[in-house]
Protein backbone atom coordinates (compact mmCIF):
# COMPACT_ATOMS: atom_id res chain seq x y z
CA MET A 1 6.24 -204.85 139.93
CA ASP A 2 8.19 -201.78 138.78
CA LEU A 3 6.42 -198.49 139.50
CA ASP A 4 5.86 -196.53 136.29
CA LEU A 5 6.39 -192.90 137.28
CA ARG A 6 4.70 -191.60 134.15
CA LYS A 7 1.53 -193.52 134.97
CA LEU A 8 1.78 -192.25 138.55
CA ARG A 9 1.85 -188.68 137.28
CA TYR A 10 -1.16 -189.39 135.06
CA PHE A 11 -2.99 -190.88 138.04
CA VAL A 12 -2.31 -187.77 140.15
CA ALA A 13 -3.70 -185.51 137.42
CA VAL A 14 -6.96 -187.47 137.25
CA ALA A 15 -7.18 -187.58 141.04
CA GLU A 16 -6.80 -183.81 141.26
CA HIS A 17 -9.16 -182.93 138.42
CA ARG A 18 -11.69 -185.73 139.08
CA HIS A 19 -12.23 -185.67 135.32
CA PHE A 20 -10.37 -187.49 132.56
CA GLY A 21 -10.92 -184.78 129.95
CA ARG A 22 -9.59 -181.95 132.11
CA ALA A 23 -6.68 -184.09 133.31
CA ALA A 24 -5.75 -184.97 129.73
CA ALA A 25 -5.79 -181.30 128.75
CA ALA A 26 -3.55 -180.41 131.71
CA LEU A 27 -1.12 -183.17 130.70
CA PHE A 28 -1.24 -182.22 127.00
CA ILE A 29 -2.20 -185.73 125.94
CA ALA A 30 -5.33 -187.17 124.30
CA GLN A 31 -8.06 -188.42 126.63
CA PRO A 32 -8.14 -191.98 125.17
CA VAL A 33 -4.40 -192.27 125.79
CA LEU A 34 -4.85 -191.18 129.40
CA SER A 35 -7.71 -193.64 129.93
CA ARG A 36 -5.64 -196.52 128.55
CA GLN A 37 -2.69 -195.63 130.76
CA ILE A 38 -4.86 -195.50 133.90
CA ARG A 39 -6.47 -198.85 133.07
CA ALA A 40 -3.03 -200.37 132.54
CA PHE A 41 -1.86 -198.88 135.86
CA GLU A 42 -4.83 -200.42 137.67
CA GLN A 43 -4.09 -203.80 136.09
CA GLU A 44 -0.44 -203.58 137.15
CA LEU A 45 -1.42 -202.70 140.72
CA GLY A 46 -4.17 -205.32 140.80
CA CYS A 47 -6.87 -202.99 142.12
CA PRO A 48 -9.17 -200.21 140.87
CA LEU A 49 -8.03 -196.68 141.62
CA PHE A 50 -11.16 -194.84 140.49
CA THR A 51 -14.89 -195.37 140.58
CA ARG A 52 -16.20 -194.08 137.26
CA THR A 53 -19.76 -193.02 136.47
CA THR A 54 -21.18 -190.98 133.62
CA ARG A 55 -21.07 -187.89 135.86
CA SER A 56 -18.08 -188.27 138.14
CA VAL A 57 -14.71 -189.86 138.81
CA GLU A 58 -13.98 -190.68 142.45
CA LEU A 59 -11.04 -192.29 144.20
CA THR A 60 -11.41 -195.79 145.61
CA PRO A 61 -9.83 -196.48 149.03
CA ALA A 62 -6.77 -197.83 147.20
CA GLY A 63 -6.72 -194.75 144.98
CA GLN A 64 -6.93 -192.44 147.99
CA ARG A 65 -3.98 -194.18 149.63
CA LEU A 66 -1.92 -193.97 146.44
CA TYR A 67 -2.78 -190.29 146.07
CA GLU A 68 -1.57 -189.63 149.63
CA GLU A 69 1.72 -191.42 148.86
CA ALA A 70 2.24 -190.05 145.36
CA ASP A 71 3.78 -186.66 146.14
CA GLY A 72 6.38 -188.19 148.41
CA VAL A 73 7.27 -190.89 145.89
CA ALA A 74 7.63 -188.43 143.02
CA ALA A 75 9.66 -185.96 145.07
CA THR A 76 11.99 -188.67 146.38
CA VAL A 77 12.65 -190.11 142.93
CA ALA A 78 13.08 -186.71 141.26
CA GLY A 79 15.46 -185.56 143.97
CA ALA A 80 17.52 -188.74 143.76
CA VAL A 81 17.77 -188.56 139.98
CA ARG A 82 18.74 -184.90 140.13
CA ARG A 83 21.46 -185.53 142.73
CA VAL A 84 22.87 -188.44 140.73
CA ARG A 85 22.98 -186.38 137.55
CA GLU A 86 24.58 -183.43 139.29
CA ALA A 87 27.20 -185.67 140.90
CA GLY A 88 28.11 -186.92 137.45
CA ARG A 89 28.56 -183.46 135.96
CA PRO A 90 30.18 -181.11 138.51
CA GLY A 91 30.77 -177.57 137.34
CA ARG A 92 28.06 -177.82 134.68
CA LEU A 93 24.74 -176.02 134.25
CA VAL A 94 22.19 -177.24 131.69
CA VAL A 95 19.71 -174.67 130.40
CA GLY A 96 16.62 -175.97 128.61
CA PHE A 97 14.67 -173.77 126.22
CA SER A 98 11.42 -174.05 124.27
CA ALA A 99 11.33 -173.67 120.49
CA GLY A 100 11.73 -170.08 119.32
CA LEU A 101 12.91 -168.69 122.66
CA ARG A 102 16.39 -167.16 122.72
CA VAL A 103 18.50 -167.59 125.83
CA ALA A 104 22.01 -167.01 124.42
CA GLU A 105 22.41 -163.45 125.71
CA ALA A 106 21.45 -164.50 129.25
CA ILE A 107 23.99 -167.35 129.10
CA ARG A 108 26.69 -164.96 127.84
CA VAL A 109 26.14 -162.56 130.75
CA PHE A 110 25.94 -165.40 133.26
CA SER A 111 29.14 -167.04 131.94
CA ALA A 112 31.04 -163.79 132.27
CA SER A 113 30.50 -163.91 136.05
CA HIS A 114 30.89 -167.71 136.30
CA PRO A 115 33.89 -168.45 134.05
CA ASP A 116 34.63 -171.84 135.65
CA LEU A 117 31.14 -173.18 135.02
CA VAL A 118 30.35 -174.97 131.74
CA VAL A 119 26.90 -174.09 130.40
CA ASP A 120 25.13 -176.52 128.07
CA VAL A 121 21.79 -176.01 126.35
CA LEU A 122 18.96 -178.48 125.83
CA PRO A 123 16.09 -177.91 123.37
CA LEU A 124 12.79 -178.76 125.04
CA PRO A 125 10.34 -180.52 122.68
CA TRP A 126 6.73 -179.40 123.09
CA THR A 127 5.83 -182.98 123.99
CA GLU A 128 8.02 -182.78 127.12
CA ARG A 129 8.06 -179.13 128.15
CA ASP A 130 8.85 -179.32 131.86
CA ALA A 131 9.85 -183.02 132.08
CA PRO A 132 13.65 -182.44 131.80
CA LEU A 133 13.48 -180.10 134.81
CA ARG A 134 11.84 -182.86 136.83
CA ASP A 135 14.15 -185.73 135.89
CA GLY A 136 17.42 -183.79 136.11
CA ARG A 137 18.32 -183.42 132.44
CA ALA A 138 18.11 -179.63 132.81
CA HIS A 139 18.79 -177.44 135.84
CA VAL A 140 16.83 -174.42 134.61
CA GLY A 141 14.51 -173.74 131.69
CA PHE A 142 13.13 -170.92 129.57
CA LEU A 143 9.53 -171.94 128.84
CA ARG A 144 6.13 -170.68 127.81
CA HIS A 145 2.89 -171.23 129.62
CA PRO A 146 0.98 -173.45 129.89
CA PHE A 147 2.84 -176.29 131.61
CA ASP A 148 2.54 -178.22 134.86
CA GLU A 149 3.95 -175.87 137.53
CA SER A 150 3.73 -178.32 140.44
CA GLY A 151 7.09 -178.66 142.17
CA LEU A 152 8.62 -175.91 140.06
CA HIS A 153 9.69 -172.34 140.84
CA THR A 154 8.71 -169.96 138.03
CA VAL A 155 9.87 -166.41 137.28
CA PRO A 156 7.76 -164.60 134.63
CA VAL A 157 9.96 -162.57 132.29
CA GLY A 158 7.75 -161.48 129.42
CA HIS A 159 5.01 -162.32 126.96
CA GLU A 160 4.53 -162.66 123.24
CA THR A 161 1.78 -162.52 120.63
CA LYS A 162 -0.07 -165.60 119.41
CA VAL A 163 -0.31 -165.80 115.62
CA ALA A 164 -2.28 -167.92 113.18
CA CYS A 165 -0.12 -169.81 110.70
CA LEU A 166 -1.91 -170.25 107.35
CA PRO A 167 -1.05 -171.60 103.90
CA ALA A 168 -0.29 -168.72 101.55
CA GLY A 169 -3.38 -169.45 99.45
CA HIS A 170 -5.85 -169.45 102.35
CA ARG A 171 -8.88 -167.15 102.15
CA LEU A 172 -7.65 -165.23 105.24
CA ALA A 173 -4.03 -164.89 104.15
CA GLY A 174 -4.48 -161.37 102.79
CA ARG A 175 -5.69 -159.91 106.08
CA GLY A 176 -3.49 -157.73 108.25
CA THR A 177 -4.73 -159.19 111.56
CA LEU A 178 -7.29 -161.72 112.75
CA VAL A 179 -9.63 -162.22 115.67
CA LEU A 180 -10.53 -165.63 117.07
CA ALA A 181 -14.00 -165.47 115.49
CA ASP A 182 -12.35 -165.42 112.05
CA LEU A 183 -11.15 -168.97 112.72
CA ASP A 184 -14.58 -170.44 113.52
CA GLY A 185 -15.04 -173.63 111.54
CA GLU A 186 -11.38 -173.81 110.52
CA PRO A 187 -9.44 -177.02 111.29
CA VAL A 188 -6.76 -176.11 113.84
CA PHE A 189 -3.91 -178.41 114.89
CA ASP A 190 -3.78 -178.69 118.68
CA HIS A 191 -3.40 -181.36 121.36
CA ARG A 192 -7.15 -182.03 121.36
CA SER A 193 -7.65 -182.50 117.61
CA ARG A 194 -4.67 -183.75 115.66
CA ARG A 195 -1.39 -184.16 117.48
CA THR A 196 1.87 -183.80 115.59
CA ALA A 197 5.27 -185.15 116.60
CA SER A 198 7.20 -181.97 115.81
CA LEU A 199 6.80 -178.37 114.75
CA GLU A 200 8.29 -179.23 111.38
CA GLU A 201 5.51 -181.79 110.84
CA LYS A 202 2.85 -179.31 111.95
CA PHE A 203 4.03 -176.57 109.58
CA GLU A 204 4.37 -179.00 106.69
CA LEU A 205 0.75 -180.04 107.18
CA VAL A 206 -0.32 -176.38 107.35
CA ALA A 207 1.55 -175.59 104.13
CA SER A 208 -0.21 -178.52 102.44
CA GLY A 209 -3.60 -177.01 103.31
CA GLN A 210 -4.72 -179.54 105.91
CA GLY A 211 -5.30 -177.07 108.73
CA LEU A 212 -4.10 -174.01 110.63
CA ALA A 213 -1.79 -173.66 113.63
CA LEU A 214 -1.89 -171.15 116.47
CA VAL A 215 1.66 -170.58 117.69
CA PRO A 216 3.71 -167.93 119.51
CA LEU A 217 5.28 -165.36 117.22
CA SER A 218 8.85 -166.42 118.06
CA VAL A 219 8.09 -170.01 116.99
CA MET A 220 6.73 -168.82 113.66
CA ARG A 221 9.78 -166.63 113.05
CA SER A 222 12.10 -169.55 113.77
CA TYR A 223 10.31 -171.94 111.43
CA ASP A 224 9.11 -169.49 108.75
CA ARG A 225 9.25 -170.91 105.23
CA PRO A 226 7.84 -170.24 101.75
CA GLY A 227 4.17 -171.14 101.39
CA LEU A 228 3.20 -169.97 104.87
CA VAL A 229 1.93 -166.68 106.24
CA HIS A 230 1.28 -165.69 109.82
CA LEU A 231 -1.13 -163.12 111.19
CA PRO A 232 -1.45 -161.80 114.74
CA ILE A 233 -4.67 -162.67 116.59
CA THR A 234 -5.57 -159.44 118.30
CA ASP A 235 -7.98 -160.85 120.90
CA HIS A 236 -5.92 -163.89 121.90
CA PRO A 237 -4.37 -163.63 125.39
CA PRO A 238 -0.60 -163.08 125.25
CA VAL A 239 1.64 -166.08 125.87
CA VAL A 240 3.62 -165.73 129.11
CA THR A 241 7.30 -166.67 129.06
CA CYS A 242 9.16 -167.57 132.22
CA LEU A 243 12.31 -168.99 133.72
CA VAL A 244 11.73 -172.25 135.57
CA ALA A 245 13.73 -174.37 138.03
CA PRO A 246 12.87 -177.15 140.49
CA GLU A 247 11.67 -175.89 143.86
CA GLY A 248 14.20 -176.02 146.66
CA HIS A 249 17.23 -175.48 144.45
CA GLY A 250 18.81 -173.23 147.09
CA PRO A 251 21.68 -170.76 146.59
CA GLY A 252 24.23 -171.50 143.90
CA PRO A 253 24.49 -171.49 140.10
CA VAL A 254 20.78 -172.10 139.48
CA ALA A 255 19.73 -169.19 141.69
CA ASP A 256 22.42 -166.99 140.14
CA PHE A 257 21.29 -167.87 136.62
CA LEU A 258 17.64 -167.13 137.44
CA GLU A 259 18.55 -163.69 138.76
CA ILE A 260 20.87 -162.77 135.88
CA ALA A 261 18.69 -164.26 133.13
CA ALA A 262 15.55 -162.54 134.46
CA ALA A 263 17.25 -159.14 134.26
CA VAL A 264 18.58 -159.83 130.75
CA LEU A 265 15.37 -161.28 129.32
CA ARG A 266 13.15 -158.57 130.80
CA GLY A 267 15.37 -155.92 129.28
CA PRO A 268 16.19 -152.37 130.39
CA GLY A 269 14.20 -151.05 133.33
CA SER A 270 13.25 -154.51 134.61
């Protein structure tokens, strides 16, 4: 059989959390999807990986062995893919970035000191987040928490406000600010309730009055449109932004970019 690396990653999350709900939240997928993927993985392998009860999830002997092997398998494959990709694009650095985050100034400063290196950019969909850094599509990324940090080197560079995106006619739209208690009972689009395929879809649904969205301020500014208002949530923890690269990248363009970009993105006095 062919080993499905996505299912392997899902398996590792359940093995570490010993709980399907918490693992699904960490993976940013719905719990029923995770359960189906694990069942399919067990069928492909021909053996149970977990013993499930109403109160606990425990590894079977086969599951324990797979868990012990998983890190090595994932690291070997990710390293091989990254080396193949890099061999096919010498003199090139790919910078991934999450929606709303601006990395152009950091690239401009970096390029001035690395004129022979071509820098490409790669938008990172919220459904993938850190995946392109693991499979070699991007060498470095500019992301927001939360994401799976395992195997990644992160450099915090700032934070931003979380805002509530509302239709213009909503009962709260005239407020200056909100607190989380103001949203009690309101339908909110998130990965646990109603998943959307894109930010455009999410904001279109908000504008049509089907729910609210809690998003970082920079995302709202990038996708602002008539019919929507956004209000800061004063008691919501700030969203941390950071530069991210695979662990073990060593000296070279990636390390140089992390150093330069961190100074630029943190601003004067960093």
